[in-house]
N, C-alpha and C. Protein backbone atom coordinates (compact mmCIF):
# COMPACT_ATOMS: atom_id res chain seq x y z
N UNK A 1 117.94 40.44 153.96
CA UNK A 1 117.69 40.81 152.51
C UNK A 1 118.40 41.19 151.86
N UNK A 2 119.34 40.81 151.26
CA UNK A 2 120.69 41.91 150.76
C UNK A 2 121.48 42.31 152.40
N UNK A 3 121.28 43.90 151.70
CA UNK A 3 122.56 44.37 152.71
C UNK A 3 121.37 45.03 153.37
N UNK A 4 120.19 44.57 153.96
CA UNK A 4 118.72 45.63 154.38
C UNK A 4 118.91 44.39 155.92
N UNK A 5 118.26 45.56 156.69
CA UNK A 5 118.10 44.16 157.83
C UNK A 5 116.70 43.87 157.54
N UNK A 6 115.96 43.77 156.94
CA UNK A 6 114.49 42.56 156.85
C UNK A 6 114.97 41.40 156.83
N UNK A 7 114.56 41.13 158.08
CA UNK A 7 114.40 39.46 157.86
C UNK A 7 113.23 38.83 157.17
N UNK A 8 113.98 37.67 156.24
CA UNK A 8 112.78 37.35 155.20
C UNK A 8 113.51 35.32 155.52
N UNK A 9 111.94 35.05 154.94
CA UNK A 9 111.70 33.79 154.79
C UNK A 9 113.69 33.50 153.41
N UNK A 10 113.47 31.91 154.09
CA UNK A 10 114.71 31.02 153.03
C UNK A 10 113.83 31.20 151.57
N UNK A 11 112.68 31.24 151.58
CA UNK A 11 111.99 31.08 150.37
C UNK A 11 110.90 32.00 149.81
N UNK A 12 110.72 32.56 148.96
CA UNK A 12 110.47 34.12 149.18
C UNK A 12 109.01 33.31 147.79
N UNK A 13 108.32 34.41 147.65
CA UNK A 13 106.98 34.04 146.51
C UNK A 13 106.93 35.11 145.26
N UNK A 14 107.08 34.36 144.33
CA UNK A 14 107.18 35.68 143.29
C UNK A 14 105.80 35.61 142.71
N UNK A 15 104.87 36.16 142.56
CA UNK A 15 104.04 36.62 141.88
C UNK A 15 103.62 36.52 140.62
N UNK A 16 104.60 36.51 139.69
CA UNK A 16 104.91 35.78 138.17
C UNK A 16 104.16 34.18 137.97
N UNK A 17 104.01 33.57 138.93
CA UNK A 17 104.07 32.32 139.33
C UNK A 17 102.31 32.40 139.30
N UNK A 18 101.92 33.49 139.54
CA UNK A 18 100.41 32.86 139.65
C UNK A 18 99.42 34.02 138.80
N UNK A 19 100.27 34.96 138.01
CA UNK A 19 100.00 35.49 136.95
C UNK A 19 100.18 35.43 135.84
N UNK A 20 101.45 34.77 135.55
CA UNK A 20 101.38 34.96 133.92
C UNK A 20 101.16 33.17 133.11
N UNK A 21 99.99 32.56 133.94
CA UNK A 21 99.72 31.36 133.12
C UNK A 21 100.89 30.21 132.74
N UNK A 22 102.00 30.39 133.39
CA UNK A 22 102.99 29.51 132.93
C UNK A 22 103.17 28.34 133.63
N UNK A 23 102.41 28.68 134.81
CA UNK A 23 102.07 27.24 136.00
C UNK A 23 101.00 26.88 135.80
N UNK A 24 99.78 27.40 135.33
CA UNK A 24 98.71 26.77 135.53
C UNK A 24 97.46 28.42 135.98
N UNK A 25 96.47 28.36 135.95
CA UNK A 25 95.81 29.21 135.47
C UNK A 25 94.93 29.48 137.56
N UNK A 26 94.63 30.61 137.54
CA UNK A 26 94.07 30.57 138.92
C UNK A 26 93.59 31.65 139.11
N UNK A 27 92.55 31.02 139.88
CA UNK A 27 91.68 32.20 140.03
C UNK A 27 91.76 33.32 140.89
N UNK A 28 91.31 34.81 141.20
CA UNK A 28 91.76 35.76 142.39
C UNK A 28 91.59 34.98 143.81
N UNK A 29 90.67 34.08 144.08
CA UNK A 29 90.18 33.12 145.33
C UNK A 29 90.85 32.10 144.99
N UNK A 30 91.67 31.82 144.16
CA UNK A 30 92.71 30.29 144.59
C UNK A 30 94.39 31.30 144.82
N UNK A 31 94.58 32.13 143.90
CA UNK A 31 95.64 33.10 144.33
C UNK A 31 95.72 33.65 145.61
N UNK A 32 95.03 34.12 146.25
CA UNK A 32 95.20 34.73 147.24
C UNK A 32 94.99 33.61 148.32
N UNK A 33 94.60 32.58 148.57
CA UNK A 33 94.30 31.38 148.86
C UNK A 33 96.20 31.01 149.55
N UNK A 34 96.45 30.69 147.96
CA UNK A 34 97.99 30.51 148.25
C UNK A 34 99.10 31.45 148.51
N UNK A 35 98.42 32.33 148.02
CA UNK A 35 99.32 33.42 148.97
C UNK A 35 99.23 33.59 150.64
N UNK A 36 97.93 33.52 151.21
CA UNK A 36 97.66 33.00 152.84
C UNK A 36 98.92 31.62 153.01
N UNK A 37 98.43 30.87 152.36
CA UNK A 37 98.84 29.56 152.68
C UNK A 37 100.87 29.47 152.89
N UNK A 38 100.82 30.31 152.04
CA UNK A 38 102.47 30.75 152.12
C UNK A 38 102.58 31.14 153.74
N UNK A 39 102.23 32.28 153.33
CA UNK A 39 103.05 32.58 154.67
C UNK A 39 102.55 32.42 155.95
N UNK A 40 101.21 31.42 156.07
CA UNK A 40 100.73 30.28 157.53
C UNK A 40 102.05 29.54 157.34
N UNK A 41 102.55 28.99 156.22
CA UNK A 41 104.05 27.91 156.31
C UNK A 41 105.37 28.67 156.57
N UNK A 42 105.03 30.13 156.98
CA UNK A 42 106.71 30.81 156.83
C UNK A 42 106.73 31.69 155.70
N UNK A 43 106.25 31.73 155.05
CA UNK A 43 107.02 33.05 153.78
C UNK A 43 106.43 33.90 154.22
N UNK A 44 107.67 35.10 154.30
CA UNK A 44 106.91 36.32 154.63
C UNK A 44 107.49 37.31 152.90
N UNK A 45 108.46 37.18 152.87
CA UNK A 45 109.07 37.65 151.30
C UNK A 45 108.44 37.47 149.82
N UNK A 46 107.18 38.60 149.97
CA UNK A 46 106.86 38.02 148.29
C UNK A 46 107.43 39.77 147.16
N UNK A 47 107.82 38.64 146.02
CA UNK A 47 108.29 39.46 145.04
C UNK A 47 107.13 39.67 143.91
N UNK A 48 106.92 40.87 143.49
CA UNK A 48 105.52 41.48 142.69
C UNK A 48 106.70 42.58 141.46
N UNK A 49 106.10 42.45 140.28
CA UNK A 49 106.27 44.24 139.19
C UNK A 49 104.90 44.38 138.86
N UNK A 50 104.16 45.55 138.22
CA UNK A 50 103.70 45.85 137.91
C UNK A 50 103.23 45.00 137.01
N UNK A 51 104.61 44.28 136.24
CA UNK A 51 104.25 43.54 134.65
C UNK A 51 103.88 42.20 134.98
N UNK A 52 103.44 42.18 136.97
CA UNK A 52 102.67 40.42 136.75
C UNK A 52 100.69 40.97 136.25
N UNK A 53 100.67 40.20 135.73
CA UNK A 53 99.68 40.11 135.06
C UNK A 53 98.94 41.63 134.81
N UNK A 54 98.89 42.54 134.43
CA UNK A 54 98.82 44.02 134.59
C UNK A 54 98.61 44.55 135.60
N UNK A 55 99.32 44.40 136.35
CA UNK A 55 98.87 44.43 137.81
C UNK A 55 98.76 43.56 138.82
N UNK A 56 97.84 42.90 138.04
CA UNK A 56 96.93 41.50 139.46
C UNK A 56 97.90 41.30 140.37
N UNK A 57 99.61 40.96 140.62
CA UNK A 57 99.90 40.33 141.02
C UNK A 57 100.09 41.33 143.08
N UNK A 58 100.01 43.08 142.07
CA UNK A 58 99.30 43.91 143.12
C UNK A 58 98.59 44.12 144.00
N UNK A 59 97.63 43.76 143.37
CA UNK A 59 96.12 43.54 144.00
C UNK A 59 96.06 42.42 144.37
N UNK A 60 96.24 41.08 144.05
CA UNK A 60 96.14 39.57 144.86
C UNK A 60 97.25 40.29 146.10
N UNK A 61 98.23 40.54 146.31
CA UNK A 61 98.88 40.57 147.14
C UNK A 61 98.25 42.15 148.32
N UNK A 62 97.35 43.22 147.91
CA UNK A 62 96.85 43.67 148.49
C UNK A 62 95.92 43.26 149.09
N UNK A 63 94.78 41.84 148.55
CA UNK A 63 93.30 41.55 148.94
C UNK A 63 94.40 40.41 150.23
N UNK A 64 95.21 39.67 150.33
CA UNK A 64 95.80 38.18 150.60
C UNK A 64 96.61 39.21 152.18
N UNK A 65 97.06 40.41 152.43
CA UNK A 65 97.75 40.82 153.43
C UNK A 65 97.18 42.13 154.15
N UNK A 66 96.13 42.85 153.33
CA UNK A 66 95.33 43.90 153.45
C UNK A 66 95.69 44.04 155.32
N UNK A 67 95.32 43.29 156.19
CA UNK A 67 95.14 43.19 157.41
C UNK A 67 96.39 42.93 157.90
N UNK A 68 97.67 42.48 157.34
CA UNK A 68 98.48 42.09 158.15
C UNK A 68 100.11 42.70 157.84
N UNK A 69 99.56 43.97 156.87
CA UNK A 69 101.22 44.50 155.36
C UNK A 69 102.45 44.49 156.69
N UNK A 70 102.58 44.92 157.82
CA UNK A 70 103.39 45.38 158.69
C UNK A 70 104.47 43.74 159.02
N UNK A 71 103.21 42.73 158.39
CA UNK A 71 103.80 41.17 158.29
C UNK A 71 104.43 40.81 157.57
N UNK A 72 104.64 41.20 156.35
CA UNK A 72 105.48 41.07 154.85
C UNK A 72 106.55 41.56 154.58
N UNK A 73 107.54 41.06 153.66
CA UNK A 73 108.15 42.31 152.79
C UNK A 73 107.99 41.99 151.27
N UNK A 74 107.26 43.48 150.73
CA UNK A 74 107.31 43.43 149.91
C UNK A 74 108.27 44.08 149.00
N UNK A 75 108.50 43.40 147.73
CA UNK A 75 109.26 44.56 146.70
C UNK A 75 108.74 44.16 145.50
N UNK A 76 108.63 45.28 144.94
CA UNK A 76 108.70 45.57 143.42
C UNK A 76 109.19 46.27 142.31
N UNK A 77 109.16 46.21 141.81
CA UNK A 77 109.76 46.72 140.85
C UNK A 77 108.92 48.47 139.48
N UNK A 78 110.30 48.22 139.04
CA UNK A 78 109.44 49.90 138.22
C UNK A 78 110.40 50.18 137.18
N UNK A 79 109.90 50.38 135.72
CA UNK A 79 110.88 50.56 134.55
C UNK A 79 110.28 50.01 133.95
N UNK A 80 109.39 48.92 133.77
CA UNK A 80 108.62 47.60 132.94
C UNK A 80 106.95 47.57 132.90
N UNK A 81 106.29 48.03 132.21
CA UNK A 81 105.25 47.63 132.29
C UNK A 81 104.14 47.63 131.47
N UNK A 82 103.07 46.86 131.35
CA UNK A 82 102.18 46.98 129.56
C UNK A 82 103.46 47.20 128.31
N UNK A 83 104.10 46.61 128.44
CA UNK A 83 104.78 46.01 126.90
C UNK A 83 105.63 47.37 126.75
N UNK A 84 105.42 48.77 127.97
CA UNK A 84 106.94 49.87 127.96
C UNK A 84 107.87 49.87 128.55
N UNK A 85 108.59 50.28 128.31
CA UNK A 85 109.93 50.54 128.82
C UNK A 85 109.97 52.36 129.53
N UNK A 86 110.19 52.25 131.20
CA UNK A 86 110.17 53.68 130.86
C UNK A 86 111.55 54.01 132.35
N UNK A 87 112.36 53.89 131.69
CA UNK A 87 112.92 53.90 133.20
C UNK A 87 113.27 56.00 133.67
N UNK A 88 112.38 56.54 132.78
CA UNK A 88 112.79 58.37 133.80
C UNK A 88 112.95 58.17 135.71
N UNK A 89 112.85 59.47 135.61
CA UNK A 89 112.59 59.69 137.18
C UNK A 89 111.21 59.78 137.09
N UNK A 90 110.15 60.12 136.38
CA UNK A 90 108.93 60.65 136.66
C UNK A 90 108.44 59.58 135.52
N UNK A 91 109.02 58.17 135.14
CA UNK A 91 107.72 57.10 135.28
C UNK A 91 108.46 56.09 136.07
N UNK A 92 109.52 56.03 136.55
CA UNK A 92 109.61 55.06 138.03
C UNK A 92 108.63 55.87 138.93
N UNK A 93 108.95 57.06 139.44
CA UNK A 93 107.90 57.64 140.07
C UNK A 93 106.64 57.61 140.04
N UNK A 94 105.60 57.65 138.32
CA UNK A 94 104.47 56.82 138.31
C UNK A 94 104.38 55.84 138.05
N UNK A 95 105.40 54.77 138.37
CA UNK A 95 105.31 53.15 138.11
C UNK A 95 104.95 52.95 139.87
N UNK A 96 105.68 54.08 140.55
CA UNK A 96 105.91 52.91 142.09
C UNK A 96 104.30 53.63 142.68
N UNK A 97 103.99 54.92 141.84
CA UNK A 97 102.82 55.61 142.58
C UNK A 97 101.62 54.44 142.63
N UNK A 98 101.36 53.82 141.11
CA UNK A 98 100.63 52.71 140.62
C UNK A 98 100.53 51.49 141.20
N UNK A 99 101.70 51.03 141.35
CA UNK A 99 102.24 50.27 142.58
C UNK A 99 101.11 50.14 144.22
N UNK A 100 102.00 51.49 144.04
CA UNK A 100 101.31 51.83 146.04
C UNK A 100 99.79 51.85 146.42
N UNK A 101 99.17 51.74 145.03
CA UNK A 101 98.03 52.41 144.87
C UNK A 101 97.44 50.62 144.58
N UNK A 102 97.42 50.05 143.96
CA UNK A 102 97.74 48.85 143.79
C UNK A 102 97.66 47.85 145.07
N UNK A 103 98.71 47.77 145.75
CA UNK A 103 98.30 47.54 146.38
C UNK A 103 98.19 47.87 147.65
N UNK A 104 97.34 48.97 148.15
CA UNK A 104 96.38 49.60 149.11
C UNK A 104 97.29 49.76 150.17
N UNK A 105 99.22 50.30 149.87
CA UNK A 105 100.37 50.53 150.85
C UNK A 105 100.37 51.56 150.25
N UNK A 106 101.00 52.15 151.44
CA UNK A 106 101.94 53.41 151.61
C UNK A 106 103.41 53.45 151.46
N UNK A 107 103.66 52.37 151.68
CA UNK A 107 105.27 51.89 150.84
C UNK A 107 105.63 50.50 150.49
N UNK A 108 106.81 50.33 149.91
CA UNK A 108 107.57 48.87 149.45
C UNK A 108 108.36 48.61 150.56
N UNK A 109 108.50 47.56 150.70
CA UNK A 109 110.23 47.77 151.43
C UNK A 109 111.24 47.99 150.36
N UNK A 110 111.06 47.31 149.29
CA UNK A 110 112.33 47.80 148.08
C UNK A 110 111.52 47.89 147.02
N UNK A 111 112.37 48.95 146.33
CA UNK A 111 111.71 49.34 145.12
C UNK A 111 112.93 48.87 144.28
N UNK A 112 113.02 48.01 142.88
CA UNK A 112 113.75 47.72 142.21
C UNK A 112 113.71 48.04 140.66
N UNK A 113 114.88 48.55 139.98
CA UNK A 113 114.93 49.09 138.70
C UNK A 113 114.49 46.98 137.75
N UNK A 114 113.52 47.09 136.69
CA UNK A 114 113.10 45.67 136.46
C UNK A 114 114.16 45.64 135.49
N UNK A 115 114.69 45.25 135.08
CA UNK A 115 116.03 44.65 134.17
C UNK A 115 116.20 46.10 133.29
N UNK A 116 117.31 47.29 134.24
CA UNK A 116 117.87 47.78 133.65
C UNK A 116 118.47 48.13 132.69
N UNK A 117 119.35 49.51 131.65
CA UNK A 117 119.66 48.93 131.13
C UNK A 117 120.99 49.39 131.46
N UNK A 118 122.26 49.91 130.98
CA UNK A 118 123.65 50.76 131.36
C UNK A 118 123.12 52.53 131.93
N UNK A 119 122.90 52.62 130.25
CA UNK A 119 122.57 54.56 130.63
C UNK A 119 121.32 54.40 132.22
N UNK A 120 120.35 53.10 132.12
CA UNK A 120 119.65 53.99 133.32
C UNK A 120 120.42 53.48 134.82
N UNK A 121 121.03 52.40 134.49
CA UNK A 121 121.90 52.34 136.05
C UNK A 121 123.13 53.37 136.07
N UNK A 122 123.65 54.27 135.58
CA UNK A 122 124.50 55.32 135.02
C UNK A 122 123.75 56.50 135.47
N UNK A 123 122.53 57.14 135.51
CA UNK A 123 121.76 58.15 135.56
C UNK A 123 121.78 58.47 137.24
N UNK A 124 122.55 59.29 137.29
CA UNK A 124 122.60 59.70 138.41
C UNK A 124 120.85 60.42 138.84
N UNK A 125 120.37 60.87 138.23
CA UNK A 125 119.04 61.55 138.11
C UNK A 125 117.62 60.07 138.77
N UNK A 126 118.15 58.73 137.96
CA UNK A 126 117.59 57.84 139.13
C UNK A 126 117.85 57.56 140.51
N UNK A 127 119.14 57.43 140.39
CA UNK A 127 119.57 56.69 141.99
C UNK A 127 119.33 58.48 142.79
N UNK A 128 118.69 59.45 142.38
CA UNK A 128 119.01 60.74 143.01
C UNK A 128 116.99 60.40 143.31
N UNK A 129 116.19 59.71 142.50
CA UNK A 129 114.74 60.01 142.96
C UNK A 129 115.02 58.58 143.85
N UNK A 130 115.50 57.83 143.91
CA UNK A 130 115.49 56.62 145.00
C UNK A 130 115.97 57.29 146.73
N UNK A 131 116.51 58.23 146.52
CA UNK A 131 116.33 58.97 147.83
C UNK A 131 115.42 59.88 148.54
N UNK A 132 115.05 60.44 147.21
CA UNK A 132 113.50 61.16 146.94
C UNK A 132 112.50 60.45 147.96
N UNK A 133 112.70 59.12 147.54
CA UNK A 133 111.09 58.30 147.76
C UNK A 133 111.72 57.96 148.81
N UNK A 134 113.03 58.03 149.12
CA UNK A 134 113.05 56.94 150.75
C UNK A 134 113.37 58.05 152.07
N UNK A 135 113.31 59.33 151.31
CA UNK A 135 113.56 60.10 152.66
C UNK A 135 111.61 60.25 152.54
N UNK A 136 110.94 60.03 151.68
CA UNK A 136 109.35 60.41 151.40
C UNK A 136 108.41 59.12 152.09
N UNK A 137 109.41 58.32 152.61
CA UNK A 137 108.99 57.00 153.17
C UNK A 137 108.31 55.98 152.57
N UNK A 138 108.70 55.85 151.34
CA UNK A 138 108.39 55.09 149.73
C UNK A 138 108.16 53.99 149.46
N UNK A 139 109.58 54.65 149.76
CA UNK A 139 110.71 52.33 149.75
C UNK A 139 111.18 52.62 150.51
N UNK A 140 111.67 51.47 151.38
CA UNK A 140 112.58 51.33 152.45
C UNK A 140 114.08 50.98 151.57
N UNK A 141 114.39 50.42 150.18
CA UNK A 141 115.72 50.02 149.99
C UNK A 141 115.49 50.31 148.39
N UNK A 142 116.15 50.68 147.87
CA UNK A 142 116.54 50.49 146.32
C UNK A 142 117.67 49.44 145.90
N UNK A 143 116.96 48.71 145.07
CA UNK A 143 117.65 47.46 144.36
C UNK A 143 117.54 47.26 143.17
N UNK A 144 117.90 45.85 142.58
CA UNK A 144 117.92 46.37 140.83
C UNK A 144 117.35 44.31 140.21
N UNK A 145 117.31 44.45 139.66
CA UNK A 145 116.65 42.88 139.30
C UNK A 145 116.92 42.23 137.93
N UNK A 146 117.93 41.76 137.34
CA UNK A 146 118.75 42.05 136.13
C UNK A 146 118.83 40.48 135.75
N UNK A 147 118.12 40.56 134.39
CA UNK A 147 118.57 39.62 132.91
C UNK A 147 116.83 39.93 132.88
N UNK A 148 116.49 39.16 131.43
CA UNK A 148 117.39 38.03 131.41
C UNK A 148 118.07 38.64 130.14
N UNK A 149 118.58 38.01 129.71
CA UNK A 149 119.57 38.30 128.10
C UNK A 149 121.09 39.01 128.16
N UNK A 150 121.67 39.62 127.03
CA UNK A 150 122.67 40.48 127.40
C UNK A 150 122.77 41.51 127.74
N UNK A 151 124.01 41.09 128.72
CA UNK A 151 123.90 42.68 128.67
C UNK A 151 124.12 43.36 130.76
N UNK A 152 123.60 41.98 131.12
CA UNK A 152 122.65 42.65 133.01
C UNK A 152 123.84 41.98 133.75
N UNK A 153 125.03 41.31 132.92
CA UNK A 153 125.95 41.58 134.10
C UNK A 153 126.77 42.11 134.23
N UNK A 154 127.16 43.07 133.20
CA UNK A 154 127.88 44.71 133.10
C UNK A 154 126.99 45.69 134.17
N UNK A 155 125.88 46.07 133.60
CA UNK A 155 124.61 46.10 134.34
C UNK A 155 124.57 46.53 135.66
N UNK A 156 125.01 44.84 136.24
CA UNK A 156 125.12 44.58 137.44
C UNK A 156 126.27 45.35 138.02
N UNK A 157 127.61 44.98 137.93
CA UNK A 157 128.51 45.32 138.31
C UNK A 157 128.72 46.97 138.09
N UNK A 158 128.58 47.69 137.54
CA UNK A 158 128.15 48.93 137.52
C UNK A 158 127.87 49.05 138.70
N UNK A 159 126.20 49.28 138.28
CA UNK A 159 125.27 49.84 139.73
C UNK A 159 126.05 48.99 141.20
N UNK A 160 126.52 48.10 141.89
CA UNK A 160 127.37 47.73 142.53
C UNK A 160 128.43 47.82 142.97
N UNK A 161 128.93 48.49 142.19
CA UNK A 161 130.31 49.88 141.73
C UNK A 161 130.08 50.60 142.80
N UNK A 162 128.87 51.59 142.29
CA UNK A 162 128.69 53.09 141.99
C UNK A 162 127.86 53.06 143.28
N UNK A 163 126.62 52.60 143.55
CA UNK A 163 125.40 52.64 144.17
C UNK A 163 125.11 52.11 145.61
N UNK A 164 124.54 52.32 146.72
CA UNK A 164 124.36 51.53 147.86
C UNK A 164 123.28 50.82 147.75
N UNK A 165 123.15 49.44 146.99
CA UNK A 165 121.63 48.47 146.72
C UNK A 165 121.88 48.31 147.80
N UNK A 166 120.29 48.11 148.09
CA UNK A 166 119.89 46.78 149.43
C UNK A 166 120.06 45.25 148.42
N UNK A 167 119.53 45.02 147.59
CA UNK A 167 119.78 43.88 146.71
C UNK A 167 119.88 43.81 145.12
N UNK A 168 119.91 43.05 145.18
CA UNK A 168 119.83 42.32 143.94
C UNK A 168 119.60 41.29 143.27
N UNK A 169 118.62 41.39 142.49
CA UNK A 169 118.16 39.71 142.18
C UNK A 169 117.75 39.61 140.79
N UNK A 170 118.80 38.23 140.58
CA UNK A 170 118.76 38.06 139.48
C UNK A 170 118.35 36.65 138.58
N UNK A 171 117.59 37.04 137.15
CA UNK A 171 116.69 36.06 136.69
C UNK A 171 117.56 34.97 136.53
């Protein structure tokens, strides 16, 4: 995955597809069954965000992979949830802690800033926090998820120039 040593399937599974209602409505049982079928078919990379069904996506991952967390690669996001935007270090840490609780996990493989603005990308305190989270074992890698809308290209360029990102996700 990106600049990490994480080996991921060519196809990943975004939980937004199960929680947004844009691709149909899925009961929890149906969603968990789909996640397990994807894993059985070779998918080991799952991308989620607290905004995916107000945390439902993370809870579905916990249910599907509780007994095999070490076999899947999970990336989650911070900075946007419940219609709020908070890229402060305290907000990012709080978001991660809430995600870990929903995932029933002690770590995420990648934590991405969820559509950060230029101020966030250039905020040294945000990147210091990512280093703290890594040293605490709560994240393995830092990344950013860019887009949609104007401005995301420059944020991505700035982050790539200044930071050692594990991966970049484009909307």
